Amino acid sequence: MIPAKLSLHHVIRPAQDGNGKPPMIILLHGVGSNENDLFGLSPYLDKRFLVISARGPVTVMPGGYGWYHVDFLPGRMEINAAEEAESRQTLIGFIDEAVTAYGADPQQVYLMGFSQGAIMSYGIMLTAPSKIAGVIAMSGRLLDEARPTQKPQGLEGFLIIVAHGEYDNVIPIRYAREAKEYLQTLPVAMTYHEYPMAHEVSEQSLRDIVAWLAMRLGSHQDQ
């Protein structure tokens, strides 16, 4: 299948099993990467999913993209908040475009993000939860800029799995624990895992995510 010309450059893996409108996973890479990075995980994901890996709209280096610029300063990260907000709106529009272009089930759209991609996934969950059924947040954090000033609505039973490395030296584990503490104040259905890994996707974390996703469709994927 040739990717459609949508607002974000992307690559796709068509759904291989099932009938009717397929469920869809949108993969969101980290800063300095591109759409081909997380797409390498697509062979491990349930074949019933249509998998789309999107490229961030902000160029941060030749061949490297992101969702916004970020400066890593001593003890903190300083983001370009305007770029983050613009990319979040672009992603929300892209979800609608992809559902229409590929005939996906609008009730079964999942965001699977790593690092900055996880940050964007959190942001969309908090600001436009009706667009997605669930989030896989790998090695990310919750931005203060993306948190609603009032308790967000529409999150009853929202599905989210958080996976983070105990030895992450890019986005330290404290950010995952802060996210967990905040999410526990919301009516979401959260699964939370810490792993003995750095800023990465380990075999164990991927196995847990694959199983979690397969269960959303009613069964485990054959391994």
C-alpha atoms as a PDB file:
ATOM      1  CA  MET A   1       0.000   0.000   0.000  1.00  0.00           C
ATOM      2  CA  ILE A   2       1.358   3.435  -0.971  1.00  0.00           C
ATOM      3  CA  PRO A   3       1.072   5.999   1.852  1.00  0.00           C
ATOM      4  CA  ALA A   4      -1.511   8.708   1.241  1.00  0.00           C
ATOM      5  CA  LYS A   5      -0.433  12.342   1.034  1.00  0.00           C
ATOM      6  CA  LEU A   6      -1.455  13.580   4.462  1.00  0.00           C
ATOM      7  CA  SER A   7      -0.274  16.431   6.683  1.00  0.00           C
ATOM      8  CA  LEU A   8       2.567  14.326   8.143  1.00  0.00           C
ATOM      9  CA  HIS A   9       5.001  12.183   6.192  1.00  0.00           C
ATOM     10  CA  HIS A  10       4.564   8.570   7.262  1.00  0.00           C
ATOM     11  CA  VAL A  11       5.086   4.900   6.462  1.00  0.00           C
ATOM     12  CA  ILE A  12       2.467   2.185   6.866  1.00  0.00           C
ATOM     13  CA  ARG A  13       1.977  -1.503   7.516  1.00  0.00           C
ATOM     14  CA  PRO A  14      -1.499  -2.566   6.403  1.00  0.00           C
ATOM     15  CA  ALA A  15      -3.640  -4.725   8.662  1.00  0.00           C
ATOM     16  CA  GLN A  16      -3.171  -8.356   7.677  1.00  0.00           C
ATOM     17  CA  ASP A  17      -5.956 -10.099   9.584  1.00  0.00           C
ATOM     18  CA  GLY A  18      -9.545  -9.337  10.434  1.00  0.00           C
ATOM     19  CA  ASN A  19     -12.471  -7.889   8.540  1.00  0.00           C
ATOM     20  CA  GLY A  20     -14.074  -4.485   8.337  1.00  0.00           C
ATOM     21  CA  LYS A  21     -12.435  -1.298   9.580  1.00  0.00           C
ATOM     22  CA  PRO A  22      -9.062  -2.150  11.153  1.00  0.00           C
ATOM     23  CA  PRO A  23      -7.848  -0.808  14.492  1.00  0.00           C
ATOM     24  CA  MET A  24      -4.916   1.577  14.075  1.00  0.00           C
ATOM     25  CA  ILE A  25      -1.666   2.286  15.915  1.00  0.00           C
ATOM     26  CA  ILE A  26       0.184   5.533  15.208  1.00  0.00           C
ATOM     27  CA  LEU A  27       3.871   5.376  16.157  1.00  0.00           C
ATOM     28  CA  LEU A  28       5.501   8.635  17.304  1.00  0.00           C
ATOM     29  CA  HIS A  29       9.295   8.766  17.417  1.00  0.00           C
ATOM     30  CA  GLY A  30      11.617  10.695  19.714  1.00  0.00           C
ATOM     31  CA  VAL A  31      13.531  13.887  18.999  1.00  0.00           C
ATOM     32  CA  GLY A  32      16.290  13.577  16.402  1.00  0.00           C
ATOM     33  CA  SER A  33      14.829  10.405  14.903  1.00  0.00           C
ATOM     34  CA  ASN A  34      12.394   9.750  12.067  1.00  0.00           C
ATOM     35  CA  GLU A  35       9.471   7.608  10.967  1.00  0.00           C
ATOM     36  CA  ASN A  36      11.642   4.585  10.234  1.00  0.00           C
ATOM     37  CA  ASP A  37      12.836   4.205  13.822  1.00  0.00           C
ATOM     38  CA  LEU A  38       9.794   2.834  15.656  1.00  0.00           C
ATOM     39  CA  PHE A  39       8.521   1.298  12.427  1.00  0.00           C
ATOM     40  CA  GLY A  40      11.051  -1.445  13.136  1.00  0.00           C
ATOM     41  CA  LEU A  41       8.704  -2.597  15.902  1.00  0.00           C
ATOM     42  CA  SER A  42       5.794  -3.140  13.518  1.00  0.00           C
ATOM     43  CA  PRO A  43       6.543  -6.846  12.828  1.00  0.00           C
ATOM     44  CA  TYR A  44       5.971  -7.545  16.529  1.00  0.00           C
ATOM     45  CA  LEU A  45       2.583  -5.819  16.712  1.00  0.00           C
ATOM     46  CA  ASP A  46      -0.683  -7.694  16.305  1.00  0.00           C
ATOM     47  CA  LYS A  47      -1.365  -8.247  12.607  1.00  0.00           C
ATOM     48  CA  ARG A  48      -4.918  -7.004  12.998  1.00  0.00           C
ATOM     49  CA  PHE A  49      -3.627  -3.465  13.507  1.00  0.00           C
ATOM     50  CA  LEU A  50      -2.987  -0.993  10.729  1.00  0.00           C
ATOM     51  CA  VAL A  51       0.352   0.502  11.793  1.00  0.00           C
ATOM     52  CA  ILE A  52       1.355   4.028  10.828  1.00  0.00           C
ATOM     53  CA  SER A  53       4.675   5.595  11.777  1.00  0.00           C
ATOM     54  CA  ALA A  54       4.635   9.384  11.467  1.00  0.00           C
ATOM     55  CA  ARG A  55       7.520  11.821  11.039  1.00  0.00           C
ATOM     56  CA  GLY A  56       7.657  14.826  13.334  1.00  0.00           C
ATOM     57  CA  PRO A  57       7.169  18.144  11.504  1.00  0.00           C
ATOM     58  CA  VAL A  58      10.192  19.903  13.050  1.00  0.00           C
ATOM     59  CA  THR A  59      13.636  19.344  11.508  1.00  0.00           C
ATOM     60  CA  VAL A  60      16.294  19.249  14.228  1.00  0.00           C
ATOM     61  CA  MET A  61      19.195  17.877  12.166  1.00  0.00           C
ATOM     62  CA  PRO A  62      19.722  16.377   8.710  1.00  0.00           C
ATOM     63  CA  GLY A  63      17.513  13.283   8.629  1.00  0.00           C
ATOM     64  CA  GLY A  64      16.428  13.880  12.218  1.00  0.00           C
ATOM     65  CA  TYR A  65      13.048  15.256  13.220  1.00  0.00           C
ATOM     66  CA  GLY A  66      11.015  16.019  16.277  1.00  0.00           C
ATOM     67  CA  TRP A  67       7.755  17.440  17.497  1.00  0.00           C
ATOM     68  CA  TYR A  68       9.391  20.499  19.029  1.00  0.00           C
ATOM     69  CA  HIS A  69      12.846  21.776  19.918  1.00  0.00           C
ATOM     70  CA  VAL A  70      14.118  21.047  23.405  1.00  0.00           C
ATOM     71  CA  ASP A  71      17.224  22.184  25.289  1.00  0.00           C
ATOM     72  CA  PHE A  72      18.656  19.822  27.887  1.00  0.00           C
ATOM     73  CA  LEU A  73      19.844  22.072  30.692  1.00  0.00           C
ATOM     74  CA  PRO A  74      21.316  21.093  34.065  1.00  0.00           C
ATOM     75  CA  GLY A  75      18.496  19.446  36.007  1.00  0.00           C
ATOM     76  CA  ARG A  76      15.748  20.432  33.590  1.00  0.00           C
ATOM     77  CA  MET A  77      14.503  20.469  29.998  1.00  0.00           C
ATOM     78  CA  GLU A  78      13.375  23.659  28.291  1.00  0.00           C
ATOM     79  CA  ILE A  79      10.946  23.160  25.437  1.00  0.00           C
ATOM     80  CA  ASN A  80       9.629  25.320  22.612  1.00  0.00           C
ATOM     81  CA  ALA A  81       6.060  25.411  23.907  1.00  0.00           C
ATOM     82  CA  ALA A  82       4.642  27.024  20.766  1.00  0.00           C
ATOM     83  CA  GLU A  83       6.066  24.241  18.591  1.00  0.00           C
ATOM     84  CA  GLU A  84       4.717  21.595  20.952  1.00  0.00           C
ATOM     85  CA  ALA A  85       1.214  23.079  20.859  1.00  0.00           C
ATOM     86  CA  GLU A  86       1.298  23.382  17.070  1.00  0.00           C
ATOM     87  CA  SER A  87       2.528  19.800  16.628  1.00  0.00           C
ATOM     88  CA  ARG A  88      -0.176  18.556  18.975  1.00  0.00           C
ATOM     89  CA  GLN A  89      -2.849  20.184  16.832  1.00  0.00           C
ATOM     90  CA  THR A  90      -1.214  18.806  13.691  1.00  0.00           C
ATOM     91  CA  LEU A  91      -1.286  15.308  15.182  1.00  0.00           C
ATOM     92  CA  ILE A  92      -4.932  15.618  16.142  1.00  0.00           C
ATOM     93  CA  GLY A  93      -5.732  16.535  12.543  1.00  0.00           C
ATOM     94  CA  PHE A  94      -3.495  13.755  11.252  1.00  0.00           C
ATOM     95  CA  ILE A  95      -5.454  11.179  13.258  1.00  0.00           C
ATOM     96  CA  ASP A  96      -8.644  12.208  11.470  1.00  0.00           C
ATOM     97  CA  GLU A  97      -6.889  12.226   8.098  1.00  0.00           C
ATOM     98  CA  ALA A  98      -5.438   8.747   8.620  1.00  0.00           C
ATOM     99  CA  VAL A  99      -8.745   7.269   9.786  1.00  0.00           C
ATOM    100  CA  THR A 100     -10.434   8.564   6.638  1.00  0.00           C
ATOM    101  CA  ALA A 101      -7.615   7.787   4.197  1.00  0.00           C
ATOM    102  CA  TYR A 102      -7.090   4.205   5.361  1.00  0.00           C
ATOM    103  CA  GLY A 103     -10.603   3.295   6.438  1.00  0.00           C
ATOM    104  CA  ALA A 104      -9.583   2.662  10.040  1.00  0.00           C
ATOM    105  CA  ASP A 105     -11.928   2.244  12.991  1.00  0.00           C
ATOM    106  CA  PRO A 106     -12.112   5.691  14.654  1.00  0.00           C
ATOM    107  CA  GLN A 107     -13.007   4.006  17.952  1.00  0.00           C
ATOM    108  CA  GLN A 108      -9.797   1.942  17.998  1.00  0.00           C
ATOM    109  CA  VAL A 109      -6.951   4.388  17.440  1.00  0.00           C
ATOM    110  CA  TYR A 110      -3.899   4.025  19.682  1.00  0.00           C
ATOM    111  CA  LEU A 111      -0.848   6.265  20.006  1.00  0.00           C
ATOM    112  CA  MET A 112       2.431   4.494  20.718  1.00  0.00           C
ATOM    113  CA  GLY A 113       5.176   6.995  21.446  1.00  0.00           C
ATOM    114  CA  PHE A 114       8.779   6.845  22.581  1.00  0.00           C
ATOM    115  CA  SER A 115      10.455   9.716  24.471  1.00  0.00           C
ATOM    116  CA  GLN A 116       9.206  12.934  22.833  1.00  0.00           C
ATOM    117  CA  GLY A 117       6.641  10.820  20.993  1.00  0.00           C
ATOM    118  CA  ALA A 118       5.357   9.597  24.362  1.00  0.00           C
ATOM    119  CA  ILE A 119       5.195  13.198  25.545  1.00  0.00           C
ATOM    120  CA  MET A 120       3.015  14.064  22.560  1.00  0.00           C
ATOM    121  CA  SER A 121       0.823  11.039  23.242  1.00  0.00           C
ATOM    122  CA  TYR A 122       0.266  12.170  26.829  1.00  0.00           C
ATOM    123  CA  GLY A 123      -0.626  15.639  25.569  1.00  0.00           C
ATOM    124  CA  ILE A 124      -3.245  14.378  23.132  1.00  0.00           C
ATOM    125  CA  MET A 125      -4.686  12.094  25.793  1.00  0.00           C
ATOM    126  CA  LEU A 126      -5.197  15.088  28.091  1.00  0.00           C
ATOM    127  CA  THR A 127      -6.467  17.569  25.505  1.00  0.00           C
ATOM    128  CA  ALA A 128      -8.283  15.464  22.874  1.00  0.00           C
ATOM    129  CA  PRO A 129      -9.066  12.072  24.461  1.00  0.00           C
ATOM    130  CA  SER A 130     -12.057  11.476  22.184  1.00  0.00           C
ATOM    131  CA  LYS A 131      -9.691  11.064  19.224  1.00  0.00           C
ATOM    132  CA  ILE A 132      -7.965   7.979  20.623  1.00  0.00           C
ATOM    133  CA  ALA A 133      -8.792   4.792  22.510  1.00  0.00           C
ATOM    134  CA  GLY A 134      -5.494   4.466  24.322  1.00  0.00           C
ATOM    135  CA  VAL A 135      -1.839   5.419  24.719  1.00  0.00           C
ATOM    136  CA  ILE A 136       1.413   3.487  24.983  1.00  0.00           C
ATOM    137  CA  ALA A 137       3.857   5.886  26.641  1.00  0.00           C
ATOM    138  CA  MET A 138       7.459   4.651  26.501  1.00  0.00           C
ATOM    139  CA  SER A 139      10.163   6.626  28.300  1.00  0.00           C
ATOM    140  CA  GLY A 140       8.287   9.922  28.282  1.00  0.00           C
ATOM    141  CA  ARG A 141       6.976  12.566  30.649  1.00  0.00           C
ATOM    142  CA  LEU A 142       3.944  14.751  31.201  1.00  0.00           C
ATOM    143  CA  LEU A 143       4.506  18.359  30.196  1.00  0.00           C
ATOM    144  CA  ASP A 144       3.137  21.036  32.475  1.00  0.00           C
ATOM    145  CA  GLU A 145       2.269  22.968  29.298  1.00  0.00           C
ATOM    146  CA  ALA A 146      -0.040  20.160  28.157  1.00  0.00           C
ATOM    147  CA  ARG A 147      -1.869  19.695  31.446  1.00  0.00           C
ATOM    148  CA  PRO A 148      -5.331  21.276  31.490  1.00  0.00           C
ATOM    149  CA  THR A 149      -5.853  23.903  34.179  1.00  0.00           C
ATOM    150  CA  GLN A 150      -8.981  22.013  35.211  1.00  0.00           C
ATOM    151  CA  LYS A 151      -9.433  18.276  35.600  1.00  0.00           C
ATOM    152  CA  PRO A 152      -9.686  16.849  32.082  1.00  0.00           C
ATOM    153  CA  GLN A 153     -12.960  15.320  30.981  1.00  0.00           C
ATOM    154  CA  GLY A 154     -13.706  12.279  28.838  1.00  0.00           C
ATOM    155  CA  LEU A 155     -11.092   9.989  30.388  1.00  0.00           C
ATOM    156  CA  GLU A 156     -13.362   7.463  32.093  1.00  0.00           C
ATOM    157  CA  GLY A 157     -11.807   4.060  31.438  1.00  0.00           C
ATOM    158  CA  PHE A 158      -9.195   5.506  29.079  1.00  0.00           C
ATOM    159  CA  LEU A 159      -6.529   2.884  28.368  1.00  0.00           C
ATOM    160  CA  ILE A 160      -2.876   3.703  28.986  1.00  0.00           C
ATOM    161  CA  ILE A 161       0.281   1.698  29.546  1.00  0.00           C
ATOM    162  CA  VAL A 162       3.427   3.404  30.813  1.00  0.00           C
ATOM    163  CA  ALA A 163       6.836   1.769  30.319  1.00  0.00           C
ATOM    164  CA  HIS A 164      10.024   3.392  31.611  1.00  0.00           C
ATOM    165  CA  GLY A 165      13.589   2.426  32.397  1.00  0.00           C
ATOM    166  CA  GLU A 166      14.885   2.659  35.952  1.00  0.00           C
ATOM    167  CA  TYR A 167      18.275   3.755  34.577  1.00  0.00           C
ATOM    168  CA  ASP A 168      17.012   6.246  31.994  1.00  0.00           C
ATOM    169  CA  ASN A 169      19.593   9.055  31.842  1.00  0.00           C
ATOM    170  CA  VAL A 170      17.668  11.121  29.269  1.00  0.00           C
ATOM    171  CA  ILE A 171      14.236  11.310  30.887  1.00  0.00           C
ATOM    172  CA  PRO A 172      14.879  10.024  34.417  1.00  0.00           C
ATOM    173  CA  ILE A 173      12.502   7.580  36.075  1.00  0.00           C
ATOM    174  CA  ARG A 174      11.186  10.290  38.394  1.00  0.00           C
ATOM    175  CA  TYR A 175       9.226  11.701  35.467  1.00  0.00           C
ATOM    176  CA  ALA A 176       7.416   8.390  34.978  1.00  0.00           C
ATOM    177  CA  ARG A 177       6.604   8.241  38.672  1.00  0.00           C
ATOM    178  CA  GLU A 178       5.289  11.805  38.581  1.00  0.00           C
ATOM    179  CA  ALA A 179       3.122  10.887  35.591  1.00  0.00           C
ATOM    180  CA  LYS A 180       1.846   7.814  37.448  1.00  0.00           C
ATOM    181  CA  GLU A 181       0.950   9.915  40.481  1.00  0.00           C
ATOM    182  CA  TYR A 182      -0.975  12.382  38.299  1.00  0.00           C
ATOM    183  CA  LEU A 183      -2.726   9.679  36.280  1.00  0.00           C
ATOM    184  CA  GLN A 184      -3.888   8.014  39.477  1.00  0.00           C
ATOM    185  CA  THR A 185      -6.009  11.121  40.108  1.00  0.00           C
ATOM    186  CA  LEU A 186      -7.846  10.521  36.819  1.00  0.00           C
ATOM    187  CA  PRO A 187     -10.421   7.800  36.000  1.00  0.00           C
ATOM    188  CA  VAL A 188      -8.088   6.077  33.527  1.00  0.00           C
ATOM    189  CA  ALA A 189      -7.311   2.363  33.276  1.00  0.00           C
ATOM    190  CA  MET A 190      -3.537   2.508  33.742  1.00  0.00           C
ATOM    191  CA  THR A 191      -0.936  -0.216  33.495  1.00  0.00           C
ATOM    192  CA  TYR A 192       2.478   0.879  34.784  1.00  0.00           C
ATOM    193  CA  HIS A 193       5.840  -0.850  34.418  1.00  0.00           C
ATOM    194  CA  GLU A 194       9.415  -0.005  35.365  1.00  0.00           C
ATOM    195  CA  TYR A 195      12.234  -2.003  33.795  1.00  0.00           C
ATOM    196  CA  PRO A 196      15.968  -2.425  34.501  1.00  0.00           C
ATOM    197  CA  MET A 197      16.892  -0.558  31.312  1.00  0.00           C
ATOM    198  CA  ALA A 198      18.066   2.841  30.109  1.00  0.00           C
ATOM    199  CA  HIS A 199      16.360   5.137  27.544  1.00  0.00           C
ATOM    200  CA  GLU A 200      15.288   2.335  25.250  1.00  0.00           C
ATOM    201  CA  VAL A 201      12.752  -0.335  24.400  1.00  0.00           C
ATOM    202  CA  SER A 202      13.809  -3.655  25.889  1.00  0.00           C
ATOM    203  CA  GLU A 203      12.649  -7.131  24.904  1.00  0.00           C
ATOM    204  CA  GLN A 204      10.632  -7.394  28.110  1.00  0.00           C
ATOM    205  CA  SER A 205       8.974  -3.994  27.757  1.00  0.00           C
ATOM    206  CA  LEU A 206       8.065  -4.770  24.149  1.00  0.00           C
ATOM    207  CA  ARG A 207       6.601  -8.158  25.142  1.00  0.00           C
ATOM    208  CA  ASP A 208       4.422  -6.489  27.760  1.00  0.00           C
ATOM    209  CA  ILE A 209       3.270  -3.810  25.317  1.00  0.00           C
ATOM    210  CA  VAL A 210       2.533  -6.354  22.579  1.00  0.00           C
ATOM    211  CA  ALA A 211       0.467  -8.429  25.012  1.00  0.00           C
ATOM    212  CA  TRP A 212      -1.359  -5.335  26.289  1.00  0.00           C
ATOM    213  CA  LEU A 213      -2.243  -4.261  22.756  1.00  0.00           C
ATOM    214  CA  ALA A 214      -3.376  -7.725  21.718  1.00  0.00           C
ATOM    215  CA  MET A 215      -5.674  -7.859  24.727  1.00  0.00           C
ATOM    216  CA  ARG A 216      -7.353  -4.657  23.565  1.00  0.00           C
ATOM    217  CA  LEU A 217      -8.573  -6.712  20.605  1.00  0.00           C
ATOM    218  CA  GLY A 218      -9.796  -9.527  22.782  1.00  0.00           C
ATOM    219  CA  SER A 219      -6.947 -12.031  22.623  1.00  0.00           C
ATOM    220  CA  HIS A 220      -3.219 -12.497  22.815  1.00  0.00           C
ATOM    221  CA  GLN A 221      -1.137 -12.417  19.671  1.00  0.00           C
ATOM    222  CA  ASP A 222       0.574 -15.679  18.785  1.00  0.00           C
ATOM    223  CA  GLN A 223       4.246 -15.431  19.676  1.00  0.00           C
END
